[in-house]
Amino acid sequence: MFMKNILCLILTLCSVSPLVWALNVGDQSPQIIGRQISGDIFALSRLDKKPKVINFFWVDCKPCKKELPLLAKKEKQNKSVVFAAVHAEQNFETESNYEVQDIQNFAKTLKAHPDTMVLGSDRIKRQFGIQGFPASVLLSADNKVEKILYGFNDSTIKELNSWLAKQ
């Protein structure tokens, strides 16, 4: 009976919404591996030991299209911080992941974007507990979560600016 109860508990925990498993401040960041729009492989673990802004976007997200040029500007102003924009959503029409060419075409429609744009996956979104776009995870030099920002508005811009000023 005891083993049956333990098994039920494990199955229940495994079926809980990803929001429960979302990252919290102080957590170690999950690994991100994907293909950059340049064609190179991206791995979070290979980045410089600097603070990082990891932005999660989706090609059909209107606020994302406004936020990415601002992040490109912040990247140029903050050389001590690594910026990466990670596409982390499926194509709802095909129910499959987007291709690098889709993200390249999206990038061409923007005024500017961070130098590092990565084709991620829905799996990465789930690992980070991302529930909407845009979202930015601000990491320490040792990849610990310092802040999580959702949306693109005056408040998130102010929080990003404040965090960047401390780096």
Foldseek 3Di string as FASTA:
>chain_A
DVVVVVVVVVVVVVPDALLVVADDFQAFADWFWFAWLVRDIDIPVPDALAKEKEKEAALPDPQVLVVFVVVQVVCVVQVRYYYEYEHEEDDPVVRGFDDSVVVVVSCVVHPHGHPTYGYGYVVSCSNNSPDDPTKIFIAHSSRGTHDIDHTDDPVSVVVVVVVSVVD
